[in-house]
Amino acid sequence: MMLLWVELQARPGAGDQLADLLAGLAQQAGSEPGVLFYAVHRQQADQNALVLYELYRDRAAWETHMALPAVQAVLQQFDALLMQPPRLVFCDPLAWSGPGPLPFSR
């Protein structure tokens, strides 16, 4: 299991466009094998700052997701939409609280 935390800072005025593109990826991710959870969030204090919370079965599932044409199309727009490259933080889940069974074992 692999969690990916991504921080994105859109250029002034580009937050809505970026949010729309990422929302489309989140909708698509729901049908991808190996994607366990995919959420897009917007910071309350900065409408141009977005955060992705992605949970994958393993790194191979993430690599498959990243290779999809729809994902590549969004990534190609990042230079025009972002102030700086995304900040990616790869994590290993340690504990879980929420509905349903634990999605991993320690």
PDB file of N, CA and C in Angstrom:
ATOM      1  N   MET A   1       0.844  -1.169   0.000  1.00  0.00           N
ATOM      2  CA  MET A   1       0.000   0.000   0.000  1.00  0.00           C
ATOM      3  C   MET A   1       0.889   1.231   0.000  1.00  0.00           C
ATOM      4  N   MET A   2       0.490   2.238  -0.783  1.00  0.00           N
ATOM      5  CA  MET A   2       1.262   3.467  -0.876  1.00  0.00           C
ATOM      6  C   MET A   2       0.329   4.671  -0.888  1.00  0.00           C
ATOM      7  N   LEU A   3       0.667   5.632  -0.058  1.00  0.00           N
ATOM      8  CA  LEU A   3      -0.068   6.890  -0.028  1.00  0.00           C
ATOM      9  C   LEU A   3       0.795   7.957  -0.685  1.00  0.00           C
ATOM     10  N   LEU A   4       0.164   8.782  -1.500  1.00  0.00           N
ATOM     11  CA  LEU A   4       0.856   9.913  -2.107  1.00  0.00           C
ATOM     12  C   LEU A   4       0.124  11.189  -1.708  1.00  0.00           C
ATOM     13  N   TRP A   5       0.870  12.115  -1.137  1.00  0.00           N
ATOM     14  CA  TRP A   5       0.376  13.442  -0.766  1.00  0.00           C
ATOM     15  C   TRP A   5       1.007  14.418  -1.753  1.00  0.00           C
ATOM     16  N   VAL A   6       0.186  15.206  -2.458  1.00  0.00           N
ATOM     17  CA  VAL A   6       0.701  16.133  -3.463  1.00  0.00           C
ATOM     18  C   VAL A   6       0.200  17.538  -3.140  1.00  0.00           C
ATOM     19  N   GLU A   7       1.129  18.493  -3.102  1.00  0.00           N
ATOM     20  CA  GLU A   7       0.781  19.892  -2.891  1.00  0.00           C
ATOM     21  C   GLU A   7       1.024  20.657  -4.187  1.00  0.00           C
ATOM     22  N   LEU A   8       0.013  21.429  -4.606  1.00  0.00           N
ATOM     23  CA  LEU A   8       0.082  22.184  -5.853  1.00  0.00           C
ATOM     24  C   LEU A   8      -0.259  23.643  -5.580  1.00  0.00           C
ATOM     25  N   GLN A   9       0.526  24.544  -6.133  1.00  0.00           N
ATOM     26  CA  GLN A   9       0.260  25.978  -6.000  1.00  0.00           C
ATOM     27  C   GLN A   9      -0.009  26.538  -7.390  1.00  0.00           C
ATOM     28  N   ALA A  10      -1.271  26.835  -7.654  1.00  0.00           N
ATOM     29  CA  ALA A  10      -1.650  27.373  -8.960  1.00  0.00           C
ATOM     30  C   ALA A  10      -1.224  28.832  -9.077  1.00  0.00           C
ATOM     31  N   ARG A  11      -1.021  29.251 -10.299  1.00  0.00           N
ATOM     32  CA  ARG A  11      -0.748  30.662 -10.560  1.00  0.00           C
ATOM     33  C   ARG A  11      -1.992  31.472 -10.163  1.00  0.00           C
ATOM     34  N   PRO A  12      -1.837  32.740  -9.817  1.00  0.00           N
ATOM     35  CA  PRO A  12      -2.990  33.561  -9.458  1.00  0.00           C
ATOM     36  C   PRO A  12      -4.077  33.460 -10.531  1.00  0.00           C
ATOM     37  N   GLY A  13      -5.279  33.169 -10.105  1.00  0.00           N
ATOM     38  CA  GLY A  13      -6.416  33.066 -10.999  1.00  0.00           C
ATOM     39  C   GLY A  13      -6.579  31.728 -11.686  1.00  0.00           C
ATOM     40  N   ALA A  14      -5.623  30.799 -11.517  1.00  0.00           N
ATOM     41  CA  ALA A  14      -5.696  29.497 -12.194  1.00  0.00           C
ATOM     42  C   ALA A  14      -6.208  28.382 -11.283  1.00  0.00           C
ATOM     43  N   GLY A  15      -6.540  28.706 -10.043  1.00  0.00           N
ATOM     44  CA  GLY A  15      -6.980  27.686  -9.086  1.00  0.00           C
ATOM     45  C   GLY A  15      -8.228  26.946  -9.526  1.00  0.00           C
ATOM     46  N   ASP A  16      -9.205  27.641 -10.064  1.00  0.00           N
ATOM     47  CA  ASP A  16     -10.443  26.985 -10.488  1.00  0.00           C
ATOM     48  C   ASP A  16     -10.205  26.040 -11.661  1.00  0.00           C
ATOM     49  N   GLN A  17      -9.394  26.473 -12.617  1.00  0.00           N
ATOM     50  CA  GLN A  17      -9.102  25.619 -13.768  1.00  0.00           C
ATOM     51  C   GLN A  17      -8.359  24.361 -13.321  1.00  0.00           C
ATOM     52  N   LEU A  18      -7.373  24.529 -12.447  1.00  0.00           N
ATOM     53  CA  LEU A  18      -6.630  23.382 -11.934  1.00  0.00           C
ATOM     54  C   LEU A  18      -7.551  22.458 -11.144  1.00  0.00           C
ATOM     55  N   ALA A  19      -8.408  23.027 -10.312  1.00  0.00           N
ATOM     56  CA  ALA A  19      -9.338  22.216  -9.527  1.00  0.00           C
ATOM     57  C   ALA A  19     -10.258  21.401 -10.430  1.00  0.00           C
ATOM     58  N   ASP A  20     -10.742  21.999 -11.500  1.00  0.00           N
ATOM     59  CA  ASP A  20     -11.613  21.281 -12.436  1.00  0.00           C
ATOM     60  C   ASP A  20     -10.882  20.118 -13.102  1.00  0.00           C
ATOM     61  N   LEU A  21      -9.648  20.351 -13.526  1.00  0.00           N
ATOM     62  CA  LEU A  21      -8.870  19.280 -14.157  1.00  0.00           C
ATOM     63  C   LEU A  21      -8.632  18.129 -13.179  1.00  0.00           C
ATOM     64  N   LEU A  22      -8.271  18.469 -11.953  1.00  0.00           N
ATOM     65  CA  LEU A  22      -7.985  17.438 -10.956  1.00  0.00           C
ATOM     66  C   LEU A  22      -9.254  16.701 -10.532  1.00  0.00           C
ATOM     67  N   ALA A  23     -10.378  17.397 -10.486  1.00  0.00           N
ATOM     68  CA  ALA A  23     -11.641  16.738 -10.165  1.00  0.00           C
ATOM     69  C   ALA A  23     -11.980  15.697 -11.223  1.00  0.00           C
ATOM     70  N   GLY A  24     -11.680  16.002 -12.478  1.00  0.00           N
ATOM     71  CA  GLY A  24     -11.890  15.026 -13.543  1.00  0.00           C
ATOM     72  C   GLY A  24     -11.020  13.795 -13.358  1.00  0.00           C
ATOM     73  N   LEU A  25      -9.765  13.998 -12.938  1.00  0.00           N
ATOM     74  CA  LEU A  25      -8.892  12.853 -12.677  1.00  0.00           C
ATOM     75  C   LEU A  25      -9.409  12.033 -11.500  1.00  0.00           C
ATOM     76  N   ALA A  26      -9.927  12.709 -10.480  1.00  0.00           N
ATOM     77  CA  ALA A  26     -10.465  11.992  -9.321  1.00  0.00           C
ATOM     78  C   ALA A  26     -11.650  11.119  -9.733  1.00  0.00           C
ATOM     79  N   GLN A  27     -12.508  11.650 -10.587  1.00  0.00           N
ATOM     80  CA  GLN A  27     -13.654  10.871 -11.054  1.00  0.00           C
ATOM     81  C   GLN A  27     -13.183   9.636 -11.813  1.00  0.00           C
ATOM     82  N   GLN A  28     -12.201   9.799 -12.679  1.00  0.00           N
ATOM     83  CA  GLN A  28     -11.664   8.681 -13.452  1.00  0.00           C
ATOM     84  C   GLN A  28     -10.985   7.659 -12.537  1.00  0.00           C
ATOM     85  N   ALA A  29     -10.270   8.141 -11.529  1.00  0.00           N
ATOM     86  CA  ALA A  29      -9.511   7.251 -10.643  1.00  0.00           C
ATOM     87  C   ALA A  29     -10.413   6.254  -9.926  1.00  0.00           C
ATOM     88  N   GLY A  30     -11.674   6.620  -9.731  1.00  0.00           N
ATOM     89  CA  GLY A  30     -12.613   5.722  -9.062  1.00  0.00           C
ATOM     90  C   GLY A  30     -12.818   4.406  -9.781  1.00  0.00           C
ATOM     91  N   SER A  31     -12.519   4.349 -11.063  1.00  0.00           N
ATOM     92  CA  SER A  31     -12.706   3.107 -11.814  1.00  0.00           C
ATOM     93  C   SER A  31     -11.381   2.416 -12.153  1.00  0.00           C
ATOM     94  N   GLU A  32     -10.276   2.967 -11.683  1.00  0.00           N
ATOM     95  CA  GLU A  32      -8.972   2.372 -11.984  1.00  0.00           C
ATOM     96  C   GLU A  32      -8.644   1.265 -10.978  1.00  0.00           C
ATOM     97  N   PRO A  33      -8.241   0.100 -11.487  1.00  0.00           N
ATOM     98  CA  PRO A  33      -7.812  -0.942 -10.555  1.00  0.00           C
ATOM     99  C   PRO A  33      -6.539  -0.484  -9.842  1.00  0.00           C
ATOM    100  N   GLY A  34      -6.472  -0.739  -8.566  1.00  0.00           N
ATOM    101  CA  GLY A  34      -5.287  -0.370  -7.800  1.00  0.00           C
ATOM    102  C   GLY A  34      -5.371   0.985  -7.136  1.00  0.00           C
ATOM    103  N   VAL A  35      -6.354   1.806  -7.527  1.00  0.00           N
ATOM    104  CA  VAL A  35      -6.558   3.089  -6.855  1.00  0.00           C
ATOM    105  C   VAL A  35      -7.585   2.849  -5.750  1.00  0.00           C
ATOM    106  N   LEU A  36      -7.160   3.003  -4.501  1.00  0.00           N
ATOM    107  CA  LEU A  36      -8.038   2.747  -3.361  1.00  0.00           C
ATOM    108  C   LEU A  36      -8.758   4.009  -2.900  1.00  0.00           C
ATOM    109  N   PHE A  37      -8.137   5.157  -3.087  1.00  0.00           N
ATOM    110  CA  PHE A  37      -8.720   6.424  -2.650  1.00  0.00           C
ATOM    111  C   PHE A  37      -8.021   7.537  -3.400  1.00  0.00           C
ATOM    112  N   TYR A  38      -8.776   8.533  -3.857  1.00  0.00           N
ATOM    113  CA  TYR A  38      -8.195   9.641  -4.604  1.00  0.00           C
ATOM    114  C   TYR A  38      -9.057  10.858  -4.307  1.00  0.00           C
ATOM    115  N   ALA A  39      -8.481  11.834  -3.641  1.00  0.00           N
ATOM    116  CA  ALA A  39      -9.256  13.008  -3.249  1.00  0.00           C
ATOM    117  C   ALA A  39      -8.501  14.284  -3.579  1.00  0.00           C
ATOM    118  N   VAL A  40      -9.245  15.297  -3.993  1.00  0.00           N
ATOM    119  CA  VAL A  40      -8.699  16.615  -4.292  1.00  0.00           C
ATOM    120  C   VAL A  40      -9.255  17.580  -3.250  1.00  0.00           C
ATOM    121  N   HIS A  41      -8.373  18.364  -2.656  1.00  0.00           N
ATOM    122  CA  HIS A  41      -8.769  19.332  -1.621  1.00  0.00           C
ATOM    123  C   HIS A  41      -8.219  20.708  -1.998  1.00  0.00           C
ATOM    124  N   ARG A  42      -8.915  21.730  -1.540  1.00  0.00           N
ATOM    125  CA  ARG A  42      -8.461  23.116  -1.731  1.00  0.00           C
ATOM    126  C   ARG A  42      -8.244  23.711  -0.350  1.00  0.00           C
ATOM    127  N   GLN A  43      -7.126  24.390  -0.185  1.00  0.00           N
ATOM    128  CA  GLN A  43      -6.855  25.026   1.104  1.00  0.00           C
ATOM    129  C   GLN A  43      -7.860  26.148   1.350  1.00  0.00           C
ATOM    130  N   GLN A  44      -8.318  26.255   2.569  1.00  0.00           N
ATOM    131  CA  GLN A  44      -9.288  27.291   2.910  1.00  0.00           C
ATOM    132  C   GLN A  44      -8.682  28.690   2.843  1.00  0.00           C
ATOM    133  N   ALA A  45      -7.410  28.812   3.192  1.00  0.00           N
ATOM    134  CA  ALA A  45      -6.768  30.125   3.243  1.00  0.00           C
ATOM    135  C   ALA A  45      -6.235  30.597   1.899  1.00  0.00           C
ATOM    136  N   ASP A  46      -6.171  29.705   0.910  1.00  0.00           N
ATOM    137  CA  ASP A  46      -5.599  30.063  -0.386  1.00  0.00           C
ATOM    138  C   ASP A  46      -6.298  29.258  -1.472  1.00  0.00           C
ATOM    139  N   GLN A  47      -7.161  29.887  -2.224  1.00  0.00           N
ATOM    140  CA  GLN A  47      -7.948  29.194  -3.248  1.00  0.00           C
ATOM    141  C   GLN A  47      -7.106  28.682  -4.415  1.00  0.00           C
ATOM    142  N   ASN A  48      -5.847  29.101  -4.492  1.00  0.00           N
ATOM    143  CA  ASN A  48      -4.951  28.618  -5.543  1.00  0.00           C
ATOM    144  C   ASN A  48      -4.047  27.479  -5.059  1.00  0.00           C
ATOM    145  N   ALA A  49      -4.231  27.047  -3.815  1.00  0.00           N
ATOM    146  CA  ALA A  49      -3.425  25.959  -3.254  1.00  0.00           C
ATOM    147  C   ALA A  49      -4.299  24.709  -3.139  1.00  0.00           C
ATOM    148  N   LEU A  50      -3.874  23.646  -3.804  1.00  0.00           N
ATOM    149  CA  LEU A  50      -4.628  22.394  -3.794  1.00  0.00           C
ATOM    150  C   LEU A  50      -3.754  21.263  -3.267  1.00  0.00           C
ATOM    151  N   VAL A  51      -4.425  20.263  -2.695  1.00  0.00           N
ATOM    152  CA  VAL A  51      -3.754  19.102  -2.141  1.00  0.00           C
ATOM    153  C   VAL A  51      -4.453  17.856  -2.664  1.00  0.00           C
ATOM    154  N   LEU A  52      -3.663  16.885  -3.102  1.00  0.00           N
ATOM    155  CA  LEU A  52      -4.192  15.584  -3.503  1.00  0.00           C
ATOM    156  C   LEU A  52      -3.806  14.562  -2.448  1.00  0.00           C
ATOM    157  N   TYR A  53      -4.737  13.686  -2.141  1.00  0.00           N
ATOM    158  CA  TYR A  53      -4.513  12.577  -1.210  1.00  0.00           C
ATOM    159  C   TYR A  53      -4.865  11.329  -1.995  1.00  0.00           C
ATOM    160  N   GLU A  54      -3.838  10.538  -2.329  1.00  0.00           N
ATOM    161  CA  GLU A  54      -4.029   9.383  -3.204  1.00  0.00           C
ATOM    162  C   GLU A  54      -3.525   8.125  -2.492  1.00  0.00           C
ATOM    163  N   LEU A  55      -4.346   7.089  -2.481  1.00  0.00           N
ATOM    164  CA  LEU A  55      -3.968   5.824  -1.866  1.00  0.00           C
ATOM    165  C   LEU A  55      -4.026   4.737  -2.934  1.00  0.00           C
ATOM    166  N   TYR A  56      -2.895   4.054  -3.110  1.00  0.00           N
ATOM    167  CA  TYR A  56      -2.763   3.036  -4.148  1.00  0.00           C
ATOM    168  C   TYR A  56      -2.440   1.675  -3.535  1.00  0.00           C
ATOM    169  N   ARG A  57      -2.824   0.635  -4.230  1.00  0.00           N
ATOM    170  CA  ARG A  57      -2.502  -0.732  -3.799  1.00  0.00           C
ATOM    171  C   ARG A  57      -0.993  -0.883  -3.654  1.00  0.00           C
ATOM    172  N   ASP A  58      -0.260  -0.322  -4.611  1.00  0.00           N
ATOM    173  CA  ASP A  58       1.203  -0.388  -4.596  1.00  0.00           C
ATOM    174  C   ASP A  58       1.746   0.645  -5.580  1.00  0.00           C
ATOM    175  N   ARG A  59       3.047   0.739  -5.659  1.00  0.00           N
ATOM    176  CA  ARG A  59       3.664   1.732  -6.544  1.00  0.00           C
ATOM    177  C   ARG A  59       3.343   1.453  -8.011  1.00  0.00           C
ATOM    178  N   ALA A  60       3.217   0.179  -8.379  1.00  0.00           N
ATOM    179  CA  ALA A  60       2.883  -0.167  -9.764  1.00  0.00           C
ATOM    180  C   ALA A  60       1.524   0.405 -10.154  1.00  0.00           C
ATOM    181  N   ALA A  61       0.560   0.399  -9.236  1.00  0.00           N
ATOM    182  CA  ALA A  61      -0.763   0.976  -9.524  1.00  0.00           C
ATOM    183  C   ALA A  61      -0.644   2.479  -9.763  1.00  0.00           C
ATOM    184  N   TRP A  62       0.214   3.152  -8.980  1.00  0.00           N
ATOM    185  CA  TRP A  62       0.442   4.588  -9.190  1.00  0.00           C
ATOM    186  C   TRP A  62       1.084   4.821 -10.555  1.00  0.00           C
ATOM    187  N   GLU A  63       2.078   4.006 -10.909  1.00  0.00           N
ATOM    188  CA  GLU A  63       2.744   4.159 -12.203  1.00  0.00           C
ATOM    189  C   GLU A  63       1.767   3.942 -13.356  1.00  0.00           C
ATOM    190  N   THR A  64       0.860   2.991 -13.215  1.00  0.00           N
ATOM    191  CA  THR A  64      -0.170   2.764 -14.229  1.00  0.00           C
ATOM    192  C   THR A  64      -1.072   3.985 -14.349  1.00  0.00           C
ATOM    193  N   HIS A  65      -1.478   4.531 -13.205  1.00  0.00           N
ATOM    194  CA  HIS A  65      -2.312   5.738 -13.193  1.00  0.00           C
ATOM    195  C   HIS A  65      -1.597   6.891 -13.909  1.00  0.00           C
ATOM    196  N   MET A  66      -0.329   7.090 -13.593  1.00  0.00           N
ATOM    197  CA  MET A  66       0.422   8.203 -14.163  1.00  0.00           C
ATOM    198  C   MET A  66       0.607   8.079 -15.671  1.00  0.00           C
ATOM    199  N   ALA A  67       0.583   6.864 -16.200  1.00  0.00           N
ATOM    200  CA  ALA A  67       0.789   6.639 -17.632  1.00  0.00           C
ATOM    201  C   ALA A  67      -0.484   6.824 -18.457  1.00  0.00           C
ATOM    202  N   LEU A  68      -1.631   6.950 -17.818  1.00  0.00           N
ATOM    203  CA  LEU A  68      -2.893   7.093 -18.553  1.00  0.00           C
ATOM    204  C   LEU A  68      -2.908   8.389 -19.366  1.00  0.00           C
ATOM    205  N   PRO A  69      -3.480   8.349 -20.566  1.00  0.00           N
ATOM    206  CA  PRO A  69      -3.528   9.555 -21.407  1.00  0.00           C
ATOM    207  C   PRO A  69      -4.185  10.757 -20.725  1.00  0.00           C
ATOM    208  N   ALA A  70      -5.244  10.542 -19.960  1.00  0.00           N
ATOM    209  CA  ALA A  70      -5.910  11.660 -19.292  1.00  0.00           C
ATOM    210  C   ALA A  70      -4.998  12.311 -18.255  1.00  0.00           C
ATOM    211  N   VAL A  71      -4.234  11.498 -17.542  1.00  0.00           N
ATOM    212  CA  VAL A  71      -3.302  12.032 -16.545  1.00  0.00           C
ATOM    213  C   VAL A  71      -2.186  12.789 -17.258  1.00  0.00           C
ATOM    214  N   GLN A  72      -1.648  12.226 -18.311  1.00  0.00           N
ATOM    215  CA  GLN A  72      -0.588  12.888 -19.063  1.00  0.00           C
ATOM    216  C   GLN A  72      -1.062  14.222 -19.637  1.00  0.00           C
ATOM    217  N   ALA A  73      -2.306  14.277 -20.084  1.00  0.00           N
ATOM    218  CA  ALA A  73      -2.854  15.522 -20.631  1.00  0.00           C
ATOM    219  C   ALA A  73      -2.904  16.619 -19.569  1.00  0.00           C
ATOM    220  N   VAL A  74      -3.273  16.252 -18.348  1.00  0.00           N
ATOM    221  CA  VAL A  74      -3.297  17.229 -17.252  1.00  0.00           C
ATOM    222  C   VAL A  74      -1.874  17.652 -16.898  1.00  0.00           C
ATOM    223  N   LEU A  75      -0.965  16.698 -16.800  1.00  0.00           N
ATOM    224  CA  LEU A  75       0.420  17.022 -16.453  1.00  0.00           C
ATOM    225  C   LEU A  75       1.042  17.985 -17.461  1.00  0.00           C
ATOM    226  N   GLN A  76       0.677  17.865 -18.722  1.00  0.00           N
ATOM    227  CA  GLN A  76       1.215  18.753 -19.747  1.00  0.00           C
ATOM    228  C   GLN A  76       0.778  20.203 -19.537  1.00  0.00           C
ATOM    229  N   GLN A  77      -0.294  20.406 -18.783  1.00  0.00           N
ATOM    230  CA  GLN A  77      -0.785  21.759 -18.520  1.00  0.00           C
ATOM    231  C   GLN A  77      -0.188  22.372 -17.253  1.00  0.00           C
ATOM    232  N   PHE A  78       0.557  21.583 -16.490  1.00  0.00           N
ATOM    233  CA  PHE A  78       1.081  22.070 -15.217  1.00  0.00           C
ATOM    234  C   PHE A  78       2.003  23.276 -15.374  1.00  0.00           C
ATOM    235  N   ASP A  79       2.852  23.302 -16.381  1.00  0.00           N
ATOM    236  CA  ASP A  79       3.762  24.433 -16.546  1.00  0.00           C
ATOM    237  C   ASP A  79       3.002  25.749 -16.648  1.00  0.00           C
ATOM    238  N   ALA A  80       1.888  25.738 -17.353  1.00  0.00           N
ATOM    239  CA  ALA A  80       1.099  26.960 -17.532  1.00  0.00           C
ATOM    240  C   ALA A  80       0.255  27.296 -16.306  1.00  0.00           C
ATOM    241  N   LEU A  81      -0.108  26.290 -15.522  1.00  0.00           N
ATOM    242  CA  LEU A  81      -1.035  26.495 -14.402  1.00  0.00           C
ATOM    243  C   LEU A  81      -0.365  26.668 -13.041  1.00  0.00           C
ATOM    244  N   LEU A  82       0.843  26.127 -12.869  1.00  0.00           N
ATOM    245  CA  LEU A  82       1.464  26.082 -11.545  1.00  0.00           C
ATOM    246  C   LEU A  82       2.573  27.116 -11.381  1.00  0.00           C
ATOM    247  N   MET A  83       2.715  27.593 -10.143  1.00  0.00           N
ATOM    248  CA  MET A  83       3.790  28.518  -9.790  1.00  0.00           C
ATOM    249  C   MET A  83       5.135  27.792  -9.713  1.00  0.00           C
ATOM    250  N   GLN A  84       5.096  26.520  -9.323  1.00  0.00           N
ATOM    251  CA  GLN A  84       6.305  25.713  -9.145  1.00  0.00           C
ATOM    252  C   GLN A  84       5.921  24.257  -9.342  1.00  0.00           C
ATOM    253  N   PRO A  85       6.893  23.377  -9.486  1.00  0.00           N
ATOM    254  CA  PRO A  85       6.553  21.955  -9.634  1.00  0.00           C
ATOM    255  C   PRO A  85       5.792  21.446  -8.405  1.00  0.00           C
ATOM    256  N   PRO A  86       4.944  20.448  -8.588  1.00  0.00           N
ATOM    257  CA  PRO A  86       4.212  19.880  -7.455  1.00  0.00           C
ATOM    258  C   PRO A  86       5.179  19.313  -6.412  1.00  0.00           C
ATOM    259  N   ARG A  87       4.765  19.357  -5.163  1.00  0.00           N
ATOM    260  CA  ARG A  87       5.524  18.722  -4.087  1.00  0.00           C
ATOM    261  C   ARG A  87       4.893  17.352  -3.843  1.00  0.00           C
ATOM    262  N   LEU A  88       5.650  16.288  -4.080  1.00  0.00           N
ATOM    263  CA  LEU A  88       5.165  14.923  -3.903  1.00  0.00           C
ATOM    264  C   LEU A  88       5.786  14.322  -2.651  1.00  0.00           C
ATOM    265  N   VAL A  89       4.936  13.725  -1.810  1.00  0.00           N
ATOM    266  CA  VAL A  89       5.396  13.055  -0.602  1.00  0.00           C
ATOM    267  C   VAL A  89       4.839  11.636  -0.637  1.00  0.00           C
ATOM    268  N   PHE A  90       5.723  10.650  -0.789  1.00  0.00           N
ATOM    269  CA  PHE A  90       5.329   9.244  -0.795  1.00  0.00           C
ATOM    270  C   PHE A  90       5.373   8.722   0.633  1.00  0.00           C
ATOM    271  N   CYS A  91       4.309   8.031   1.046  1.00  0.00           N
ATOM    272  CA  CYS A  91       4.185   7.579   2.431  1.00  0.00           C
ATOM    273  C   CYS A  91       3.777   6.110   2.497  1.00  0.00           C
ATOM    274  N   ASP A  92       4.157   5.476   3.589  1.00  0.00           N
ATOM    275  CA  ASP A  92       3.683   4.136   3.919  1.00  0.00           C
ATOM    276  C   ASP A  92       2.676   4.269   5.053  1.00  0.00           C
ATOM    277  N   PRO A  93       1.423   3.825   4.855  1.00  0.00           N
ATOM    278  CA  PRO A  93       0.423   3.924   5.922  1.00  0.00           C
ATOM    279  C   PRO A  93       0.840   3.109   7.148  1.00  0.00           C
ATOM    280  N   LEU A  94       0.594   3.675   8.329  1.00  0.00           N
ATOM    281  CA  LEU A  94       0.926   3.007   9.586  1.00  0.00           C
ATOM    282  C   LEU A  94      -0.294   2.649  10.420  1.00  0.00           C
ATOM    283  N   ALA A  95      -1.333   3.477  10.376  1.00  0.00           N
ATOM    284  CA  ALA A  95      -2.534   3.234  11.182  1.00  0.00           C
ATOM    285  C   ALA A  95      -3.731   3.782  10.425  1.00  0.00           C
ATOM    286  N   TRP A  96      -4.903   3.283  10.757  1.00  0.00           N
ATOM    287  CA  TRP A  96      -6.104   3.657  10.020  1.00  0.00           C
ATOM    288  C   TRP A  96      -7.284   3.703  10.983  1.00  0.00           C
ATOM    289  N   SER A  97      -8.109   4.731  10.844  1.00  0.00           N
ATOM    290  CA  SER A  97      -9.358   4.821  11.580  1.00  0.00           C
ATOM    291  C   SER A  97     -10.397   5.340  10.608  1.00  0.00           C
ATOM    292  N   GLY A  98     -11.488   4.635  10.488  1.00  0.00           N
ATOM    293  CA  GLY A  98     -12.516   5.069   9.571  1.00  0.00           C
ATOM    294  C   GLY A  98     -13.453   3.926   9.263  1.00  0.00           C
ATOM    295  N   PRO A  99     -14.427   4.187   8.393  1.00  0.00           N
ATOM    296  CA  PRO A  99     -15.376   3.131   8.055  1.00  0.00           C
ATOM    297  C   PRO A  99     -14.695   2.008   7.286  1.00  0.00           C
ATOM    298  N   GLY A 100     -15.172   0.836   7.480  1.00  0.00           N
ATOM    299  CA  GLY A 100     -14.657  -0.310   6.744  1.00  0.00           C
ATOM    300  C   GLY A 100     -13.441  -0.922   7.396  1.00  0.00           C
ATOM    301  N   PRO A 101     -12.992  -2.020   6.823  1.00  0.00           N
ATOM    302  CA  PRO A 101     -11.833  -2.721   7.389  1.00  0.00           C
ATOM    303  C   PRO A 101     -10.540  -1.962   7.099  1.00  0.00           C
ATOM    304  N   LEU A 102      -9.502  -2.312   7.828  1.00  0.00           N
ATOM    305  CA  LEU A 102      -8.193  -1.725   7.565  1.00  0.00           C
ATOM    306  C   LEU A 102      -7.781  -2.056   6.142  1.00  0.00           C
ATOM    307  N   PRO A 103      -7.351  -1.058   5.364  1.00  0.00           N
ATOM    308  CA  PRO A 103      -6.996  -1.319   3.978  1.00  0.00           C
ATOM    309  C   PRO A 103      -5.576  -1.863   3.820  1.00  0.00           C
ATOM    310  N   PHE A 104      -4.903  -2.146   4.931  1.00  0.00           N
ATOM    311  CA  PHE A 104      -3.533  -2.652   4.860  1.00  0.00           C
ATOM    312  C   PHE A 104      -3.230  -3.415   6.130  1.00  0.00           C
ATOM    313  N   SER A 105      -2.142  -4.124   6.130  1.00  0.00           N
ATOM    314  CA  SER A 105      -1.697  -4.771   7.353  1.00  0.00           C
ATOM    315  C   SER A 105      -0.304  -4.286   7.661  1.00  0.00           C
ATOM    316  N   ARG A 106      -0.013  -4.156   8.925  1.00  0.00           N
ATOM    317  CA  ARG A 106       1.287  -3.658   9.360  1.00  0.00           C
ATOM    318  C   ARG A 106       2.303  -4.747   9.443  1.00  0.00           C
TER     319      ARG A 106
END
